[in-house]
Amino acid sequence: MTFIPAIDPDIEYPDSDGKPMADNTEQYEWIVKIKENIEILFADSPLVFIAGDLLWYPVQDKKITGPVAPDVMVVFGRPKGRRGSYKQWEEDNIAPQVVFEILSPSNSLEEMERKLLFYQRYGVEEYYLYDPDTNNLKGWLRQEEILSSIPQINRWVSPRLKIQFELTETELEIYSLDGQKFLTFIELSQKAEQASSQLEQERLKAEQASLQLEQECLKAERLAEYIRSLGIDPDTL
């Protein structure tokens, strides 16, 4: 049976639920790290929308439980751009296919169970839940209309994102399929500086080589002039 929401034109859809994006620095850093690295991964894909802590309204229904603001959500088939919230009926009715949640001490079991049910009901294909305090990662994949637990999450590759999750003894590491590790802003900045420094070194080496070649050519020309001054054609030598 198809679910038909009770549409009310007077319903308000606020862009904020009044809750902070994160409860602590570690949770915030993980949200930003995952969101921004996925942004980098799909920078050249105009129809992949990625957001962090954005309210998602799946239907126009005042009876809806929620809405929910996934810590990170990825929507394939929708253009990049600014949004105050994600109103699904204004987005070709495309639900976020992938969502991430980063646990914090304030998240209750009841809250996380409610989110899982929400994601299952409204079409999420992949759901990942990471607890940085315990270094525990859980994942769910939609199978036959149900979000089923992924039994072996370590080294799991996301079908949609094509990224691999690796659990070390201390923390979660995420890699793109070309081996690029998800990095923090500081690590990305350091990597960019190293690349810039390496390019500068290569440029200086090229300049030095060019200068050395120019000096050798000048020496050769001076030698040729000296030989000519002796009445000898250097080309016959």
C-alpha atoms as a PDB file:
ATOM      1  CA  MET A   1       0.000   0.000   0.000  1.00  0.00           C
ATOM      2  CA  THR A   2       1.382   3.390  -1.027  1.00  0.00           C
ATOM      3  CA  PHE A   3       1.883   5.904   1.763  1.00  0.00           C
ATOM      4  CA  ILE A   4       0.105   9.189   0.944  1.00  0.00           C
ATOM      5  CA  PRO A   5       1.048  12.042   3.286  1.00  0.00           C
ATOM      6  CA  ALA A   6      -1.522  14.471   4.599  1.00  0.00           C
ATOM      7  CA  ILE A   7      -0.381  17.643   2.842  1.00  0.00           C
ATOM      8  CA  ASP A   8      -1.021  20.871   4.682  1.00  0.00           C
ATOM      9  CA  PRO A   9       0.138  24.108   2.970  1.00  0.00           C
ATOM     10  CA  ASP A  10       0.390  25.815   6.353  1.00  0.00           C
ATOM     11  CA  ILE A  11       2.990  23.412   7.732  1.00  0.00           C
ATOM     12  CA  GLU A  12       6.252  25.136   8.595  1.00  0.00           C
ATOM     13  CA  TYR A  13       9.570  23.463   7.898  1.00  0.00           C
ATOM     14  CA  PRO A  14      12.222  25.189  10.045  1.00  0.00           C
ATOM     15  CA  ASP A  15      15.852  25.035   8.959  1.00  0.00           C
ATOM     16  CA  SER A  16      17.052  24.345  12.487  1.00  0.00           C
ATOM     17  CA  ASP A  17      16.021  21.984  15.254  1.00  0.00           C
ATOM     18  CA  GLY A  18      17.785  24.071  17.886  1.00  0.00           C
ATOM     19  CA  LYS A  19      20.338  21.347  18.573  1.00  0.00           C
ATOM     20  CA  PRO A  20      24.100  21.807  18.226  1.00  0.00           C
ATOM     21  CA  MET A  21      25.890  20.170  15.331  1.00  0.00           C
ATOM     22  CA  ALA A  22      28.105  18.230  17.737  1.00  0.00           C
ATOM     23  CA  ASP A  23      28.469  17.677  21.469  1.00  0.00           C
ATOM     24  CA  ASN A  24      32.254  17.649  21.565  1.00  0.00           C
ATOM     25  CA  THR A  25      35.315  18.381  19.462  1.00  0.00           C
ATOM     26  CA  GLU A  26      35.957  14.766  18.470  1.00  0.00           C
ATOM     27  CA  GLN A  27      32.436  14.258  17.139  1.00  0.00           C
ATOM     28  CA  TYR A  28      32.658  17.543  15.225  1.00  0.00           C
ATOM     29  CA  GLU A  29      36.039  16.633  13.723  1.00  0.00           C
ATOM     30  CA  TRP A  30      34.707  13.288  12.489  1.00  0.00           C
ATOM     31  CA  ILE A  31      31.620  14.888  10.943  1.00  0.00           C
ATOM     32  CA  VAL A  32      33.741  17.458   9.116  1.00  0.00           C
ATOM     33  CA  LYS A  33      36.355  14.884   8.108  1.00  0.00           C
ATOM     34  CA  ILE A  34      33.847  12.510   6.524  1.00  0.00           C
ATOM     35  CA  LYS A  35      31.748  15.231   4.918  1.00  0.00           C
ATOM     36  CA  GLU A  36      34.619  17.217   3.409  1.00  0.00           C
ATOM     37  CA  ASN A  37      36.529  14.179   2.123  1.00  0.00           C
ATOM     38  CA  ILE A  38      33.398  12.920   0.378  1.00  0.00           C
ATOM     39  CA  GLU A  39      33.040  16.424  -1.077  1.00  0.00           C
ATOM     40  CA  ILE A  40      36.580  16.126  -2.447  1.00  0.00           C
ATOM     41  CA  LEU A  41      35.849  12.644  -3.772  1.00  0.00           C
ATOM     42  CA  PHE A  42      32.824  13.883  -5.751  1.00  0.00           C
ATOM     43  CA  ALA A  43      34.067  17.409  -6.514  1.00  0.00           C
ATOM     44  CA  ASP A  44      33.731  16.808 -10.260  1.00  0.00           C
ATOM     45  CA  SER A  45      30.264  15.234  -9.984  1.00  0.00           C
ATOM     46  CA  PRO A  46      27.671  18.038 -10.217  1.00  0.00           C
ATOM     47  CA  LEU A  47      24.766  15.734  -9.374  1.00  0.00           C
ATOM     48  CA  VAL A  48      26.010  14.549  -5.987  1.00  0.00           C
ATOM     49  CA  PHE A  49      24.752  16.659  -3.086  1.00  0.00           C
ATOM     50  CA  ILE A  50      26.565  16.293   0.246  1.00  0.00           C
ATOM     51  CA  ALA A  51      25.599  17.946   3.522  1.00  0.00           C
ATOM     52  CA  GLY A  52      26.415  17.858   7.209  1.00  0.00           C
ATOM     53  CA  ASP A  53      23.807  18.269   9.953  1.00  0.00           C
ATOM     54  CA  LEU A  54      21.082  19.314   7.492  1.00  0.00           C
ATOM     55  CA  LEU A  55      17.448  18.719   8.418  1.00  0.00           C
ATOM     56  CA  TRP A  56      15.801  16.214   6.102  1.00  0.00           C
ATOM     57  CA  TYR A  57      12.029  16.388   5.555  1.00  0.00           C
ATOM     58  CA  PRO A  58      11.048  13.258   3.591  1.00  0.00           C
ATOM     59  CA  VAL A  59       7.350  14.094   3.154  1.00  0.00           C
ATOM     60  CA  GLN A  60       4.906  16.974   3.562  1.00  0.00           C
ATOM     61  CA  ASP A  61       3.204  15.624   6.619  1.00  0.00           C
ATOM     62  CA  LYS A  62       2.715  17.315   9.981  1.00  0.00           C
ATOM     63  CA  LYS A  63       2.383  13.897  11.612  1.00  0.00           C
ATOM     64  CA  ILE A  64       5.884  12.853  10.597  1.00  0.00           C
ATOM     65  CA  THR A  65       8.185  11.783  13.406  1.00  0.00           C
ATOM     66  CA  GLY A  66      11.235  13.939  13.128  1.00  0.00           C
ATOM     67  CA  PRO A  67      12.649  15.398  11.003  1.00  0.00           C
ATOM     68  CA  VAL A  68      16.178  14.025  11.277  1.00  0.00           C
ATOM     69  CA  ALA A  69      19.445  15.812  10.554  1.00  0.00           C
ATOM     70  CA  PRO A  70      22.028  13.144   9.627  1.00  0.00           C
ATOM     71  CA  ASP A  71      25.557  14.068  10.643  1.00  0.00           C
ATOM     72  CA  VAL A  72      26.479  13.495   6.991  1.00  0.00           C
ATOM     73  CA  MET A  73      24.203  12.656   4.098  1.00  0.00           C
ATOM     74  CA  VAL A  74      24.911  11.996   0.435  1.00  0.00           C
ATOM     75  CA  VAL A  75      22.294  12.315  -2.302  1.00  0.00           C
ATOM     76  CA  PHE A  76      23.040  11.008  -5.792  1.00  0.00           C
ATOM     77  CA  GLY A  77      20.986  12.656  -8.506  1.00  0.00           C
ATOM     78  CA  ARG A  78      20.623  16.105  -6.934  1.00  0.00           C
ATOM     79  CA  PRO A  79      22.724  19.169  -7.782  1.00  0.00           C
ATOM     80  CA  LYS A  80      25.200  20.737  -5.424  1.00  0.00           C
ATOM     81  CA  GLY A  81      24.214  24.050  -3.880  1.00  0.00           C
ATOM     82  CA  ARG A  82      22.988  25.818  -0.787  1.00  0.00           C
ATOM     83  CA  ARG A  83      19.925  24.532   1.088  1.00  0.00           C
ATOM     84  CA  GLY A  84      18.433  25.538   4.416  1.00  0.00           C
ATOM     85  CA  SER A  85      16.995  22.048   4.743  1.00  0.00           C
ATOM     86  CA  TYR A  86      16.431  19.063   2.486  1.00  0.00           C
ATOM     87  CA  LYS A  87      12.743  18.964   1.501  1.00  0.00           C
ATOM     88  CA  GLN A  88      12.529  15.750  -0.446  1.00  0.00           C
ATOM     89  CA  TRP A  89       9.398  16.668  -2.429  1.00  0.00           C
ATOM     90  CA  GLU A  90      11.365  19.617  -3.876  1.00  0.00           C
ATOM     91  CA  GLU A  91      14.261  17.317  -4.835  1.00  0.00           C
ATOM     92  CA  ASP A  92      12.515  15.013  -7.353  1.00  0.00           C
ATOM     93  CA  ASN A  93      11.527  12.962  -4.305  1.00  0.00           C
ATOM     94  CA  ILE A  94      15.054  11.533  -4.096  1.00  0.00           C
ATOM     95  CA  ALA A  95      15.966  10.377  -0.602  1.00  0.00           C
ATOM     96  CA  PRO A  96      19.546  10.496   0.673  1.00  0.00           C
ATOM     97  CA  GLN A  97      21.075   7.183  -0.306  1.00  0.00           C
ATOM     98  CA  VAL A  98      23.920   7.248   2.246  1.00  0.00           C
ATOM     99  CA  VAL A  99      23.928   8.651   5.781  1.00  0.00           C
ATOM    100  CA  PHE A 100      26.495   8.742   8.580  1.00  0.00           C
ATOM    101  CA  GLU A 101      26.010   9.260  12.294  1.00  0.00           C
ATOM    102  CA  ILE A 102      28.839   9.905  14.760  1.00  0.00           C
ATOM    103  CA  LEU A 103      27.924   8.908  18.295  1.00  0.00           C
ATOM    104  CA  SER A 104      28.409  11.242  21.225  1.00  0.00           C
ATOM    105  CA  PRO A 105      27.764  10.626  24.953  1.00  0.00           C
ATOM    106  CA  SER A 106      24.422  12.442  24.734  1.00  0.00           C
ATOM    107  CA  ASN A 107      22.980  10.086  22.104  1.00  0.00           C
ATOM    108  CA  SER A 108      20.539   7.714  23.756  1.00  0.00           C
ATOM    109  CA  LEU A 109      19.773   4.180  22.583  1.00  0.00           C
ATOM    110  CA  GLU A 110      16.171   5.239  22.002  1.00  0.00           C
ATOM    111  CA  GLU A 111      17.271   8.133  19.792  1.00  0.00           C
ATOM    112  CA  MET A 112      19.520   5.938  17.653  1.00  0.00           C
ATOM    113  CA  GLU A 113      16.826   3.273  17.282  1.00  0.00           C
ATOM    114  CA  ARG A 114      14.413   5.974  16.145  1.00  0.00           C
ATOM    115  CA  LYS A 115      16.918   7.192  13.555  1.00  0.00           C
ATOM    116  CA  LEU A 116      17.459   3.681  12.240  1.00  0.00           C
ATOM    117  CA  LEU A 117      13.706   3.237  11.806  1.00  0.00           C
ATOM    118  CA  PHE A 118      13.472   6.664  10.144  1.00  0.00           C
ATOM    119  CA  TYR A 119      16.221   5.810   7.666  1.00  0.00           C
ATOM    120  CA  GLN A 120      14.660   2.445   6.943  1.00  0.00           C
ATOM    121  CA  ARG A 121      11.194   3.894   6.379  1.00  0.00           C
ATOM    122  CA  TYR A 122      12.272   6.711   4.098  1.00  0.00           C
ATOM    123  CA  GLY A 123      14.597   4.958   1.693  1.00  0.00           C
ATOM    124  CA  VAL A 124      18.206   5.225   2.885  1.00  0.00           C
ATOM    125  CA  GLU A 125      20.326   2.588   1.143  1.00  0.00           C
ATOM    126  CA  GLU A 126      23.411   2.678   3.364  1.00  0.00           C
ATOM    127  CA  TYR A 127      23.683   3.766   6.991  1.00  0.00           C
ATOM    128  CA  TYR A 128      26.950   3.943   8.940  1.00  0.00           C
ATOM    129  CA  LEU A 129      27.209   4.576  12.683  1.00  0.00           C
ATOM    130  CA  TYR A 130      30.611   5.237  14.264  1.00  0.00           C
ATOM    131  CA  ASP A 131      31.443   5.602  17.947  1.00  0.00           C
ATOM    132  CA  PRO A 132      34.893   7.251  18.235  1.00  0.00           C
ATOM    133  CA  ASP A 133      35.017   6.619  21.995  1.00  0.00           C
ATOM    134  CA  THR A 134      34.894   2.840  21.582  1.00  0.00           C
ATOM    135  CA  ASN A 135      36.184   2.724  17.992  1.00  0.00           C
ATOM    136  CA  ASN A 136      33.091   0.785  17.000  1.00  0.00           C
ATOM    137  CA  LEU A 137      31.631   0.969  13.501  1.00  0.00           C
ATOM    138  CA  LYS A 138      28.274  -0.469  12.481  1.00  0.00           C
ATOM    139  CA  GLY A 139      26.698  -0.478   9.071  1.00  0.00           C
ATOM    140  CA  TRP A 140      23.365  -1.288   7.464  1.00  0.00           C
ATOM    141  CA  LEU A 141      22.610  -2.007   3.810  1.00  0.00           C
ATOM    142  CA  ARG A 142      19.151  -1.980   2.237  1.00  0.00           C
ATOM    143  CA  GLN A 143      18.112  -5.443   1.133  1.00  0.00           C
ATOM    144  CA  GLU A 144      14.546  -6.230   0.098  1.00  0.00           C
ATOM    145  CA  GLU A 145      13.253  -2.926   1.503  1.00  0.00           C
ATOM    146  CA  ILE A 146      14.936  -3.489   4.877  1.00  0.00           C
ATOM    147  CA  LEU A 147      18.138  -2.006   6.281  1.00  0.00           C
ATOM    148  CA  SER A 148      20.027  -5.142   7.245  1.00  0.00           C
ATOM    149  CA  SER A 149      23.120  -5.155   9.434  1.00  0.00           C
ATOM    150  CA  ILE A 150      26.425  -5.601   7.600  1.00  0.00           C
ATOM    151  CA  PRO A 151      28.005  -8.620   9.314  1.00  0.00           C
ATOM    152  CA  GLN A 152      31.643  -7.865   8.442  1.00  0.00           C
ATOM    153  CA  ILE A 153      32.180  -4.112   8.408  1.00  0.00           C
ATOM    154  CA  ASN A 154      35.984  -4.109   8.572  1.00  0.00           C
ATOM    155  CA  ARG A 155      37.350  -3.583   5.034  1.00  0.00           C
ATOM    156  CA  TRP A 156      33.802  -3.131   3.803  1.00  0.00           C
ATOM    157  CA  VAL A 157      33.458  -1.120   0.571  1.00  0.00           C
ATOM    158  CA  SER A 158      30.457   1.172   0.264  1.00  0.00           C
ATOM    159  CA  PRO A 159      28.497   0.235  -2.888  1.00  0.00           C
ATOM    160  CA  ARG A 160      27.514   3.860  -3.496  1.00  0.00           C
ATOM    161  CA  LEU A 161      30.566   5.808  -2.350  1.00  0.00           C
ATOM    162  CA  LYS A 162      33.249   3.294  -3.355  1.00  0.00           C
ATOM    163  CA  ILE A 163      35.171   3.926  -0.146  1.00  0.00           C
ATOM    164  CA  GLN A 164      36.625   1.317   2.188  1.00  0.00           C
ATOM    165  CA  PHE A 165      36.372   1.279   5.973  1.00  0.00           C
ATOM    166  CA  GLU A 166      39.299  -0.087   7.961  1.00  0.00           C
ATOM    167  CA  LEU A 167      39.243  -0.427  11.742  1.00  0.00           C
ATOM    168  CA  THR A 168      42.695  -0.194  13.292  1.00  0.00           C
ATOM    169  CA  GLU A 169      43.368  -0.753  16.984  1.00  0.00           C
ATOM    170  CA  THR A 170      42.809   2.934  17.730  1.00  0.00           C
ATOM    171  CA  GLU A 171      40.436   4.439  15.180  1.00  0.00           C
ATOM    172  CA  LEU A 172      38.529   4.172  11.935  1.00  0.00           C
ATOM    173  CA  GLU A 173      40.385   4.823   8.692  1.00  0.00           C
ATOM    174  CA  ILE A 174      38.583   5.458   5.416  1.00  0.00           C
ATOM    175  CA  TYR A 175      40.130   5.117   1.962  1.00  0.00           C
ATOM    176  CA  SER A 176      39.027   5.792  -1.580  1.00  0.00           C
ATOM    177  CA  LEU A 177      39.564   2.906  -3.968  1.00  0.00           C
ATOM    178  CA  ASP A 178      42.713   4.549  -5.355  1.00  0.00           C
ATOM    179  CA  GLY A 179      44.255   4.319  -1.883  1.00  0.00           C
ATOM    180  CA  GLN A 180      43.793   7.942  -0.820  1.00  0.00           C
ATOM    181  CA  LYS A 181      43.132   8.147   2.918  1.00  0.00           C
ATOM    182  CA  PHE A 182      40.493  10.475   4.356  1.00  0.00           C
ATOM    183  CA  LEU A 183      42.426  13.268   6.088  1.00  0.00           C
ATOM    184  CA  THR A 184      41.654  16.060   8.525  1.00  0.00           C
ATOM    185  CA  PHE A 185      41.798  19.703   7.399  1.00  0.00           C
ATOM    186  CA  ILE A 186      45.241  20.055   8.990  1.00  0.00           C
ATOM    187  CA  GLU A 187      46.522  16.915   7.258  1.00  0.00           C
ATOM    188  CA  LEU A 188      45.058  18.077   3.939  1.00  0.00           C
ATOM    189  CA  SER A 189      46.721  21.471   4.384  1.00  0.00           C
ATOM    190  CA  GLN A 190      50.057  19.854   5.215  1.00  0.00           C
ATOM    191  CA  LYS A 191      49.754  17.576   2.191  1.00  0.00           C
ATOM    192  CA  ALA A 192      49.009  20.564  -0.048  1.00  0.00           C
ATOM    193  CA  GLU A 193      52.010  22.441   1.369  1.00  0.00           C
ATOM    194  CA  GLN A 194      54.272  19.436   0.786  1.00  0.00           C
ATOM    195  CA  ALA A 195      53.036  19.140  -2.790  1.00  0.00           C
ATOM    196  CA  SER A 196      53.575  22.867  -3.334  1.00  0.00           C
ATOM    197  CA  SER A 197      57.066  22.652  -1.834  1.00  0.00           C
ATOM    198  CA  GLN A 198      57.916  19.677  -4.034  1.00  0.00           C
ATOM    199  CA  LEU A 199      56.717  21.523  -7.140  1.00  0.00           C
ATOM    200  CA  GLU A 200      58.842  24.525  -6.159  1.00  0.00           C
ATOM    201  CA  GLN A 201      61.892  22.293  -5.731  1.00  0.00           C
ATOM    202  CA  GLU A 202      61.283  20.720  -9.133  1.00  0.00           C
ATOM    203  CA  ARG A 203      60.932  24.195 -10.651  1.00  0.00           C
ATOM    204  CA  LEU A 204      64.232  25.325  -9.109  1.00  0.00           C
ATOM    205  CA  LYS A 205      65.955  22.167 -10.362  1.00  0.00           C
ATOM    206  CA  ALA A 206      64.630  22.817 -13.860  1.00  0.00           C
ATOM    207  CA  GLU A 207      65.825  26.432 -13.715  1.00  0.00           C
ATOM    208  CA  GLN A 208      69.282  25.351 -12.536  1.00  0.00           C
ATOM    209  CA  ALA A 209      69.511  22.747 -15.292  1.00  0.00           C
ATOM    210  CA  SER A 210      68.450  25.337 -17.869  1.00  0.00           C
ATOM    211  CA  LEU A 211      71.015  27.822 -16.535  1.00  0.00           C
ATOM    212  CA  GLN A 212      73.750  25.194 -16.590  1.00  0.00           C
ATOM    213  CA  LEU A 213      72.900  24.292 -20.189  1.00  0.00           C
ATOM    214  CA  GLU A 214      72.951  27.954 -21.140  1.00  0.00           C
ATOM    215  CA  GLN A 215      76.404  28.364 -19.550  1.00  0.00           C
ATOM    216  CA  GLU A 216      77.728  25.291 -21.350  1.00  0.00           C
ATOM    217  CA  CYS A 217      76.416  26.629 -24.652  1.00  0.00           C
ATOM    218  CA  LEU A 218      78.066  29.985 -23.955  1.00  0.00           C
ATOM    219  CA  LYS A 219      81.399  28.284 -23.211  1.00  0.00           C
ATOM    220  CA  ALA A 220      81.132  26.279 -26.415  1.00  0.00           C
ATOM    221  CA  GLU A 221      80.413  29.395 -28.427  1.00  0.00           C
ATOM    222  CA  ARG A 222      83.374  31.237 -26.895  1.00  0.00           C
ATOM    223  CA  LEU A 223      85.631  28.286 -27.668  1.00  0.00           C
ATOM    224  CA  ALA A 224      84.386  28.244 -31.263  1.00  0.00           C
ATOM    225  CA  GLU A 225      85.116  31.989 -31.589  1.00  0.00           C
ATOM    226  CA  TYR A 226      88.640  31.468 -30.245  1.00  0.00           C
ATOM    227  CA  ILE A 227      89.284  28.678 -32.743  1.00  0.00           C
ATOM    228  CA  ARG A 228      88.048  30.911 -35.560  1.00  0.00           C
ATOM    229  CA  SER A 229      90.421  33.650 -34.389  1.00  0.00           C
ATOM    230  CA  LEU A 230      93.224  31.181 -35.033  1.00  0.00           C
ATOM    231  CA  GLY A 231      92.049  30.838 -38.629  1.00  0.00           C
ATOM    232  CA  ILE A 232      90.538  27.429 -38.067  1.00  0.00           C
ATOM    233  CA  ASP A 233      86.968  26.530 -38.918  1.00  0.00           C
ATOM    234  CA  PRO A 234      85.583  24.723 -35.810  1.00  0.00           C
ATOM    235  CA  ASP A 235      83.021  22.897 -37.961  1.00  0.00           C
ATOM    236  CA  THR A 236      85.855  21.007 -39.703  1.00  0.00           C
ATOM    237  CA  LEU A 237      87.274  19.674 -36.476  1.00  0.00           C
END
